């Protein structure tokens, strides 16, 4: 099953490179987007960024390293169920967090459009689009010097509308949620197995899982400017993996 999932991800990655039109309907869109469809909670996990190989390579390495032992332990059917369950769970949590964030931006956009002022524009950019502050520094200064200029005001309105439109339609893709679920399961079932970190330093699986989990929570709430990683999808994959592994563990007499 690990081999089949690996091949499926690679084949779909190649199809993405072909820029087939139907591929646009497969990434996971925010719930507020006109392009959101329920099936995307499943399909998004088989897509990857096509601008390079790093995204798919890192995910598939994780799948190949940690997946085979879990498949051997559970069997292929149960492993596949686990992979899909954690991947969908990751998408659900990510969608919930994104829904809240996009709603915050929508409300801020509506408030600004009702009363556009230089101070409110600076506040809007600083809070929701800080990565764009430097690129718009000269424009912001111009607005502060000419707060009643109708052309500048209209440009700021267009800016916040465009920003909200983009944020409400950003696609999410990747197997990371399911792979982080696999990592969590590996740490729960084989906690004392030593893994060679950077092929040099032996570290027990439970510590690697703990460190990854702490980092993802920190990075998810920090929301560093320009960070395009779906940290809450990773957290979701680990969370749903924990729930499922614990559930199966409590029912072990029925399964093994």
C-alpha atoms as a PDB file:
ATOM      1  CA  UNK A   1       0.000   0.000   0.000  1.00  0.00           C
ATOM      2  CA  UNK A   2       2.882   2.371   0.728  1.00  0.00           C
ATOM      3  CA  UNK A   3       4.240   1.634  -2.752  1.00  0.00           C
ATOM      4  CA  UNK A   4       0.830   2.229  -4.340  1.00  0.00           C
ATOM      5  CA  UNK A   5       0.376   5.549  -2.502  1.00  0.00           C
ATOM      6  CA  UNK A   6       3.862   6.604  -3.536  1.00  0.00           C
ATOM      7  CA  UNK A   7       3.177   5.794  -7.188  1.00  0.00           C
ATOM      8  CA  UNK A   8      -0.230   7.508  -7.075  1.00  0.00           C
ATOM      9  CA  UNK A   9       1.268  10.715  -5.683  1.00  0.00           C
ATOM     10  CA  UNK A  10       4.022  10.726  -8.294  1.00  0.00           C
ATOM     11  CA  UNK A  11       1.617  10.066 -11.184  1.00  0.00           C
ATOM     12  CA  UNK A  12      -0.718  12.848 -10.046  1.00  0.00           C
ATOM     13  CA  UNK A  13       2.266  15.172  -9.654  1.00  0.00           C
ATOM     14  CA  UNK A  14       3.196  14.495 -13.279  1.00  0.00           C
ATOM     15  CA  UNK A  15      -0.408  15.150 -14.326  1.00  0.00           C
ATOM     16  CA  UNK A  16      -0.295  18.448 -12.437  1.00  0.00           C
ATOM     17  CA  UNK A  17       2.724  19.383 -14.514  1.00  0.00           C
ATOM     18  CA  UNK A  18       0.567  18.849 -17.594  1.00  0.00           C
ATOM     19  CA  UNK A  19      -1.758  21.626 -16.339  1.00  0.00           C
ATOM     20  CA  UNK A  20      -4.951  19.722 -17.078  1.00  0.00           C
ATOM     21  CA  UNK A  21      -7.994  21.926 -16.506  1.00  0.00           C
ATOM     22  CA  UNK A  22      -9.781  19.598 -14.056  1.00  0.00           C
ATOM     23  CA  UNK A  23      -6.798  19.765 -11.672  1.00  0.00           C
ATOM     24  CA  UNK A  24      -7.952  23.233 -10.603  1.00  0.00           C
ATOM     25  CA  UNK A  25     -10.937  21.639  -8.811  1.00  0.00           C
ATOM     26  CA  UNK A  26      -8.844  19.271  -6.666  1.00  0.00           C
ATOM     27  CA  UNK A  27      -6.902  21.469  -4.169  1.00  0.00           C
ATOM     28  CA  UNK A  28      -8.647  22.300  -0.895  1.00  0.00           C
ATOM     29  CA  UNK A  29     -10.150  25.788  -1.021  1.00  0.00           C
ATOM     30  CA  UNK A  30     -11.365  27.842   1.974  1.00  0.00           C
ATOM     31  CA  UNK A  31     -14.997  27.239   2.896  1.00  0.00           C
ATOM     32  CA  UNK A  32     -15.881  30.814   1.881  1.00  0.00           C
ATOM     33  CA  UNK A  33     -14.512  30.309  -1.613  1.00  0.00           C
ATOM     34  CA  UNK A  34     -16.893  29.879  -4.532  1.00  0.00           C
ATOM     35  CA  UNK A  35     -14.585  27.082  -5.674  1.00  0.00           C
ATOM     36  CA  UNK A  36     -14.832  24.981  -2.496  1.00  0.00           C
ATOM     37  CA  UNK A  37     -16.224  21.460  -2.995  1.00  0.00           C
ATOM     38  CA  UNK A  38     -16.503  18.707  -0.353  1.00  0.00           C
ATOM     39  CA  UNK A  39     -14.464  16.217  -2.397  1.00  0.00           C
ATOM     40  CA  UNK A  40     -11.433  18.497  -2.007  1.00  0.00           C
ATOM     41  CA  UNK A  41     -11.013  17.245   1.574  1.00  0.00           C
ATOM     42  CA  UNK A  42      -9.905  13.986  -0.039  1.00  0.00           C
ATOM     43  CA  UNK A  43      -8.261  15.043  -3.278  1.00  0.00           C
ATOM     44  CA  UNK A  44      -6.026  17.777  -1.857  1.00  0.00           C
ATOM     45  CA  UNK A  45      -3.765  15.258  -0.130  1.00  0.00           C
ATOM     46  CA  UNK A  46      -2.635  13.766  -3.452  1.00  0.00           C
ATOM     47  CA  UNK A  47      -1.515  17.109  -4.917  1.00  0.00           C
ATOM     48  CA  UNK A  48       1.775  18.937  -4.428  1.00  0.00           C
ATOM     49  CA  UNK A  49       3.448  22.205  -5.339  1.00  0.00           C
ATOM     50  CA  UNK A  50       4.725  21.856  -8.895  1.00  0.00           C
ATOM     51  CA  UNK A  51       7.237  24.715  -8.736  1.00  0.00           C
ATOM     52  CA  UNK A  52       9.853  22.222  -7.565  1.00  0.00           C
ATOM     53  CA  UNK A  53      10.439  18.742  -6.129  1.00  0.00           C
ATOM     54  CA  UNK A  54      10.982  19.668  -2.485  1.00  0.00           C
ATOM     55  CA  UNK A  55       7.320  19.473  -1.421  1.00  0.00           C
ATOM     56  CA  UNK A  56       6.507  16.047  -2.830  1.00  0.00           C
ATOM     57  CA  UNK A  57       9.983  14.686  -2.059  1.00  0.00           C
ATOM     58  CA  UNK A  58       9.820  15.504   1.654  1.00  0.00           C
ATOM     59  CA  UNK A  59       6.336  14.015   1.985  1.00  0.00           C
ATOM     60  CA  UNK A  60       7.153  10.844   0.103  1.00  0.00           C
ATOM     61  CA  UNK A  61      10.348  10.316   2.097  1.00  0.00           C
ATOM     62  CA  UNK A  62       8.288  10.463   5.274  1.00  0.00           C
ATOM     63  CA  UNK A  63       5.778   8.011   3.811  1.00  0.00           C
ATOM     64  CA  UNK A  64       8.492   5.567   2.760  1.00  0.00           C
ATOM     65  CA  UNK A  65      10.464   5.760   6.016  1.00  0.00           C
ATOM     66  CA  UNK A  66       7.621   5.425   8.529  1.00  0.00           C
ATOM     67  CA  UNK A  67       4.813   3.863   6.486  1.00  0.00           C
ATOM     68  CA  UNK A  68       6.060   0.292   5.805  1.00  0.00           C
ATOM     69  CA  UNK A  69       6.326  -0.748   9.454  1.00  0.00           C
ATOM     70  CA  UNK A  70       2.817   0.567  10.156  1.00  0.00           C
ATOM     71  CA  UNK A  71       1.468  -1.276   7.108  1.00  0.00           C
ATOM     72  CA  UNK A  72       3.141  -4.453   8.295  1.00  0.00           C
ATOM     73  CA  UNK A  73       1.673  -3.929  11.767  1.00  0.00           C
ATOM     74  CA  UNK A  74      -1.896  -3.130  10.636  1.00  0.00           C
ATOM     75  CA  UNK A  75      -2.154  -4.664   7.189  1.00  0.00           C
ATOM     76  CA  UNK A  76      -2.666  -2.749   3.922  1.00  0.00           C
ATOM     77  CA  UNK A  77      -6.410  -2.084   4.242  1.00  0.00           C
ATOM     78  CA  UNK A  78      -6.182  -0.671   7.744  1.00  0.00           C
ATOM     79  CA  UNK A  79      -3.125   1.366   6.807  1.00  0.00           C
ATOM     80  CA  UNK A  80      -4.982   2.876   3.843  1.00  0.00           C
ATOM     81  CA  UNK A  81      -7.947   3.728   6.067  1.00  0.00           C
ATOM     82  CA  UNK A  82      -5.579   5.371   8.553  1.00  0.00           C
ATOM     83  CA  UNK A  83      -3.846   7.368   5.801  1.00  0.00           C
ATOM     84  CA  UNK A  84      -7.130   8.697   4.400  1.00  0.00           C
ATOM     85  CA  UNK A  85      -8.640   9.301   7.845  1.00  0.00           C
ATOM     86  CA  UNK A  86      -5.732  11.405   9.047  1.00  0.00           C
ATOM     87  CA  UNK A  87      -5.422  13.235   5.726  1.00  0.00           C
ATOM     88  CA  UNK A  88      -9.111  14.169   5.731  1.00  0.00           C
ATOM     89  CA  UNK A  89      -8.919  15.045   9.424  1.00  0.00           C
ATOM     90  CA  UNK A  90      -5.989  17.344   8.700  1.00  0.00           C
ATOM     91  CA  UNK A  91      -8.048  19.048   5.994  1.00  0.00           C
ATOM     92  CA  UNK A  92     -11.011  19.470   8.345  1.00  0.00           C
ATOM     93  CA  UNK A  93      -8.965  21.166  11.072  1.00  0.00           C
ATOM     94  CA  UNK A  94      -7.115  23.330   8.549  1.00  0.00           C
ATOM     95  CA  UNK A  95     -10.429  24.359   6.966  1.00  0.00           C
ATOM     96  CA  UNK A  96     -11.867  25.293  10.354  1.00  0.00           C
ATOM     97  CA  UNK A  97      -8.902  27.491  11.230  1.00  0.00           C
ATOM     98  CA  UNK A  98      -8.854  29.036   7.751  1.00  0.00           C
ATOM     99  CA  UNK A  99     -12.604  29.742   7.971  1.00  0.00           C
ATOM    100  CA  UNK A 100     -12.045  31.731  11.170  1.00  0.00           C
ATOM    101  CA  UNK A 101      -9.057  33.627   9.741  1.00  0.00           C
ATOM    102  CA  UNK A 102     -10.809  34.504   6.476  1.00  0.00           C
ATOM    103  CA  UNK A 103     -13.882  35.681   8.391  1.00  0.00           C
ATOM    104  CA  UNK A 104     -11.676  38.008  10.430  1.00  0.00           C
ATOM    105  CA  UNK A 105     -10.244  39.468   7.228  1.00  0.00           C
ATOM    106  CA  UNK A 106     -13.720  39.821   5.707  1.00  0.00           C
ATOM    107  CA  UNK A 107     -14.992  41.772   8.713  1.00  0.00           C
ATOM    108  CA  UNK A 108     -11.896  43.986   8.743  1.00  0.00           C
ATOM    109  CA  UNK A 109     -12.294  44.603   5.005  1.00  0.00           C
ATOM    110  CA  UNK A 110     -15.936  45.640   5.407  1.00  0.00           C
ATOM    111  CA  UNK A 111     -15.068  47.977   8.283  1.00  0.00           C
ATOM    112  CA  UNK A 112     -12.299  49.617   6.287  1.00  0.00           C
ATOM    113  CA  UNK A 113     -14.451  50.102   3.198  1.00  0.00           C
ATOM    114  CA  UNK A 114     -16.995  51.981   5.313  1.00  0.00           C
ATOM    115  CA  UNK A 115     -14.419  54.429   6.679  1.00  0.00           C
ATOM    116  CA  UNK A 116     -11.066  54.391   4.816  1.00  0.00           C
ATOM    117  CA  UNK A 117      -8.377  56.349   6.646  1.00  0.00           C
ATOM    118  CA  UNK A 118      -4.564  56.151   6.584  1.00  0.00           C
ATOM    119  CA  UNK A 119      -4.451  54.878  10.170  1.00  0.00           C
ATOM    120  CA  UNK A 120      -6.952  52.112   9.480  1.00  0.00           C
ATOM    121  CA  UNK A 121      -5.145  51.146   6.268  1.00  0.00           C
ATOM    122  CA  UNK A 122      -1.830  50.822   8.119  1.00  0.00           C
ATOM    123  CA  UNK A 123      -3.562  48.804  10.843  1.00  0.00           C
ATOM    124  CA  UNK A 124      -5.154  46.512   8.229  1.00  0.00           C
ATOM    125  CA  UNK A 125      -1.861  45.805   6.477  1.00  0.00           C
ATOM    126  CA  UNK A 126       0.075  45.403   9.722  1.00  0.00           C
ATOM    127  CA  UNK A 127      -2.394  42.846  11.074  1.00  0.00           C
ATOM    128  CA  UNK A 128      -3.327  40.837   7.988  1.00  0.00           C
ATOM    129  CA  UNK A 129      -0.741  41.553   5.296  1.00  0.00           C
ATOM    130  CA  UNK A 130       2.442  42.537   7.128  1.00  0.00           C
ATOM    131  CA  UNK A 131       4.561  40.802   4.469  1.00  0.00           C
ATOM    132  CA  UNK A 132       3.320  43.463   2.023  1.00  0.00           C
ATOM    133  CA  UNK A 133       4.085  46.457   4.263  1.00  0.00           C
ATOM    134  CA  UNK A 134       7.603  47.116   2.905  1.00  0.00           C
ATOM    135  CA  UNK A 135       6.473  46.905  -0.721  1.00  0.00           C
ATOM    136  CA  UNK A 136       3.750  49.481  -0.067  1.00  0.00           C
ATOM    137  CA  UNK A 137       5.735  51.788   2.222  1.00  0.00           C
ATOM    138  CA  UNK A 138       5.913  54.670  -0.272  1.00  0.00           C
ATOM    139  CA  UNK A 139       2.210  54.351  -1.104  1.00  0.00           C
ATOM    140  CA  UNK A 140       1.300  54.372   2.599  1.00  0.00           C
ATOM    141  CA  UNK A 141       3.343  57.542   3.164  1.00  0.00           C
ATOM    142  CA  UNK A 142       1.627  59.162   0.199  1.00  0.00           C
ATOM    143  CA  UNK A 143      -1.786  58.250   1.647  1.00  0.00           C
ATOM    144  CA  UNK A 144      -0.847  59.697   5.053  1.00  0.00           C
ATOM    145  CA  UNK A 145       0.195  62.947   3.376  1.00  0.00           C
ATOM    146  CA  UNK A 146      -2.974  63.050   1.238  1.00  0.00           C
ATOM    147  CA  UNK A 147      -5.710  61.418   3.379  1.00  0.00           C
ATOM    148  CA  UNK A 148      -8.552  62.984   1.367  1.00  0.00           C
ATOM    149  CA  UNK A 149      -7.279  62.150  -2.102  1.00  0.00           C
ATOM    150  CA  UNK A 150     -10.155  60.206  -3.747  1.00  0.00           C
ATOM    151  CA  UNK A 151      -7.856  58.347  -6.142  1.00  0.00           C
ATOM    152  CA  UNK A 152      -5.632  57.064  -3.339  1.00  0.00           C
ATOM    153  CA  UNK A 153      -8.650  56.121  -1.234  1.00  0.00           C
ATOM    154  CA  UNK A 154     -10.073  54.133  -4.138  1.00  0.00           C
ATOM    155  CA  UNK A 155      -6.747  52.371  -4.619  1.00  0.00           C
ATOM    156  CA  UNK A 156      -6.726  51.341  -0.955  1.00  0.00           C
ATOM    157  CA  UNK A 157     -10.267  50.032  -1.280  1.00  0.00           C
ATOM    158  CA  UNK A 158      -9.252  48.019  -4.324  1.00  0.00           C
ATOM    159  CA  UNK A 159      -6.255  46.727  -2.388  1.00  0.00           C
ATOM    160  CA  UNK A 160      -8.243  45.397   0.592  1.00  0.00           C
ATOM    161  CA  UNK A 161     -10.903  43.903  -1.694  1.00  0.00           C
ATOM    162  CA  UNK A 162      -8.220  42.155  -3.754  1.00  0.00           C
ATOM    163  CA  UNK A 163      -6.413  40.945  -0.646  1.00  0.00           C
ATOM    164  CA  UNK A 164      -9.580  39.453   0.821  1.00  0.00           C
ATOM    165  CA  UNK A 165     -10.427  37.821  -2.512  1.00  0.00           C
ATOM    166  CA  UNK A 166      -6.988  36.208  -2.678  1.00  0.00           C
ATOM    167  CA  UNK A 167      -6.991  35.049   0.952  1.00  0.00           C
ATOM    168  CA  UNK A 168     -10.460  33.528   0.571  1.00  0.00           C
ATOM    169  CA  UNK A 169      -9.402  31.383  -2.382  1.00  0.00           C
ATOM    170  CA  UNK A 170      -5.853  30.233  -1.509  1.00  0.00           C
ATOM    171  CA  UNK A 171      -5.570  26.507  -2.345  1.00  0.00           C
ATOM    172  CA  UNK A 172      -4.080  23.967   0.060  1.00  0.00           C
ATOM    173  CA  UNK A 173      -2.453  20.782  -1.163  1.00  0.00           C
ATOM    174  CA  UNK A 174      -0.058  18.077  -0.044  1.00  0.00           C
ATOM    175  CA  UNK A 175       0.187  14.778   1.794  1.00  0.00           C
ATOM    176  CA  UNK A 176       1.757  16.429   4.842  1.00  0.00           C
ATOM    177  CA  UNK A 177      -1.302  15.980   7.060  1.00  0.00           C
ATOM    178  CA  UNK A 178      -1.414  12.227   6.429  1.00  0.00           C
ATOM    179  CA  UNK A 179       2.379  11.929   6.729  1.00  0.00           C
ATOM    180  CA  UNK A 180       2.350  13.737  10.082  1.00  0.00           C
ATOM    181  CA  UNK A 181      -0.398  11.308  11.086  1.00  0.00           C
ATOM    182  CA  UNK A 182       1.923   8.436  10.151  1.00  0.00           C
ATOM    183  CA  UNK A 183       4.696  10.035  12.190  1.00  0.00           C
ATOM    184  CA  UNK A 184       2.394  10.319  15.222  1.00  0.00           C
ATOM    185  CA  UNK A 185       1.290   6.680  14.910  1.00  0.00           C
ATOM    186  CA  UNK A 186       4.889   5.539  14.613  1.00  0.00           C
ATOM    187  CA  UNK A 187       5.787   7.440  17.775  1.00  0.00           C
ATOM    188  CA  UNK A 188       2.818   5.992  19.672  1.00  0.00           C
ATOM    189  CA  UNK A 189       3.310   2.374  18.594  1.00  0.00           C
ATOM    190  CA  UNK A 190       7.107   2.259  18.471  1.00  0.00           C
ATOM    191  CA  UNK A 191       8.119   5.042  20.897  1.00  0.00           C
ATOM    192  CA  UNK A 192      11.577   3.728  21.739  1.00  0.00           C
ATOM    193  CA  UNK A 193      12.652   2.939  18.194  1.00  0.00           C
ATOM    194  CA  UNK A 194      15.762   4.966  17.469  1.00  0.00           C
ATOM    195  CA  UNK A 195      15.886   7.027  14.294  1.00  0.00           C
ATOM    196  CA  UNK A 196      19.120   8.427  12.922  1.00  0.00           C
ATOM    197  CA  UNK A 197      18.489  12.166  12.735  1.00  0.00           C
ATOM    198  CA  UNK A 198      20.428  13.542   9.753  1.00  0.00           C
ATOM    199  CA  UNK A 199      21.801   9.981   9.461  1.00  0.00           C
ATOM    200  CA  UNK A 200      24.095  10.700  12.428  1.00  0.00           C
ATOM    201  CA  UNK A 201      22.267  11.207  15.720  1.00  0.00           C
ATOM    202  CA  UNK A 202      20.099   8.403  17.167  1.00  0.00           C
ATOM    203  CA  UNK A 203      16.882   9.848  18.632  1.00  0.00           C
ATOM    204  CA  UNK A 204      13.913   7.893  19.941  1.00  0.00           C
ATOM    205  CA  UNK A 205      10.741   8.219  17.869  1.00  0.00           C
ATOM    206  CA  UNK A 206       8.676   9.584  20.767  1.00  0.00           C
ATOM    207  CA  UNK A 207      11.012  12.567  21.136  1.00  0.00           C
ATOM    208  CA  UNK A 208      10.951  13.349  17.428  1.00  0.00           C
ATOM    209  CA  UNK A 209       7.145  13.292  17.449  1.00  0.00           C
ATOM    210  CA  UNK A 210       7.035  15.546  20.524  1.00  0.00           C
ATOM    211  CA  UNK A 211       9.436  18.064  18.983  1.00  0.00           C
ATOM    212  CA  UNK A 212       7.542  18.150  15.688  1.00  0.00           C
ATOM    213  CA  UNK A 213       4.251  18.596  17.512  1.00  0.00           C
ATOM    214  CA  UNK A 214       5.549  21.478  19.660  1.00  0.00           C
ATOM    215  CA  UNK A 215       7.068  23.192  16.649  1.00  0.00           C
ATOM    216  CA  UNK A 216       3.892  22.927  14.556  1.00  0.00           C
ATOM    217  CA  UNK A 217       1.733  24.365  17.354  1.00  0.00           C
ATOM    218  CA  UNK A 218       4.186  27.238  17.839  1.00  0.00           C
ATOM    219  CA  UNK A 219       4.489  27.951  14.105  1.00  0.00           C
ATOM    220  CA  UNK A 220       0.727  27.682  13.600  1.00  0.00           C
ATOM    221  CA  UNK A 221      -0.105  30.306  16.224  1.00  0.00           C
ATOM    222  CA  UNK A 222       2.856  32.538  15.417  1.00  0.00           C
ATOM    223  CA  UNK A 223       1.794  32.932  11.762  1.00  0.00           C
ATOM    224  CA  UNK A 224       5.123  34.306  10.540  1.00  0.00           C
ATOM    225  CA  UNK A 225       4.832  36.649   7.517  1.00  0.00           C
ATOM    226  CA  UNK A 226       5.283  34.795   4.248  1.00  0.00           C
ATOM    227  CA  UNK A 227       4.893  31.365   5.868  1.00  0.00           C
ATOM    228  CA  UNK A 228       2.838  29.339   3.389  1.00  0.00           C
ATOM    229  CA  UNK A 229       3.009  26.054   5.331  1.00  0.00           C
ATOM    230  CA  UNK A 230      -0.357  24.695   6.526  1.00  0.00           C
ATOM    231  CA  UNK A 231       0.780  24.057  10.099  1.00  0.00           C
ATOM    232  CA  UNK A 232      -2.723  23.333  11.374  1.00  0.00           C
ATOM    233  CA  UNK A 233      -3.083  20.622   8.746  1.00  0.00           C
ATOM    234  CA  UNK A 234       0.011  18.989  10.249  1.00  0.00           C
ATOM    235  CA  UNK A 235      -1.464  19.364  13.728  1.00  0.00           C
ATOM    236  CA  UNK A 236      -4.755  17.948  12.462  1.00  0.00           C
ATOM    237  CA  UNK A 237      -3.029  14.908  11.007  1.00  0.00           C
ATOM    238  CA  UNK A 238      -1.281  14.227  14.306  1.00  0.00           C
ATOM    239  CA  UNK A 239      -4.440  14.835  16.342  1.00  0.00           C
ATOM    240  CA  UNK A 240      -6.647  12.511  14.282  1.00  0.00           C
ATOM    241  CA  UNK A 241      -3.869   9.911  14.255  1.00  0.00           C
ATOM    242  CA  UNK A 242      -3.703  10.024  18.052  1.00  0.00           C
ATOM    243  CA  UNK A 243      -7.473   9.570  18.321  1.00  0.00           C
ATOM    244  CA  UNK A 244      -7.570   6.641  15.890  1.00  0.00           C
ATOM    245  CA  UNK A 245      -4.546   4.828  17.322  1.00  0.00           C
ATOM    246  CA  UNK A 246      -5.922   5.142  20.847  1.00  0.00           C
ATOM    247  CA  UNK A 247      -9.326   3.923  19.665  1.00  0.00           C
ATOM    248  CA  UNK A 248      -7.851   0.920  17.917  1.00  0.00           C
ATOM    249  CA  UNK A 249      -5.712   0.226  20.966  1.00  0.00           C
ATOM    250  CA  UNK A 250      -8.783   0.133  23.194  1.00  0.00           C
ATOM    251  CA  UNK A 251     -10.420  -2.339  20.796  1.00  0.00           C
ATOM    252  CA  UNK A 252      -7.322  -4.456  20.225  1.00  0.00           C
ATOM    253  CA  UNK A 253      -8.977  -7.679  21.343  1.00  0.00           C
ATOM    254  CA  UNK A 254     -11.415  -7.273  18.471  1.00  0.00           C
ATOM    255  CA  UNK A 255      -8.760  -6.688  15.840  1.00  0.00           C
ATOM    256  CA  UNK A 256      -5.758  -8.847  16.696  1.00  0.00           C
END
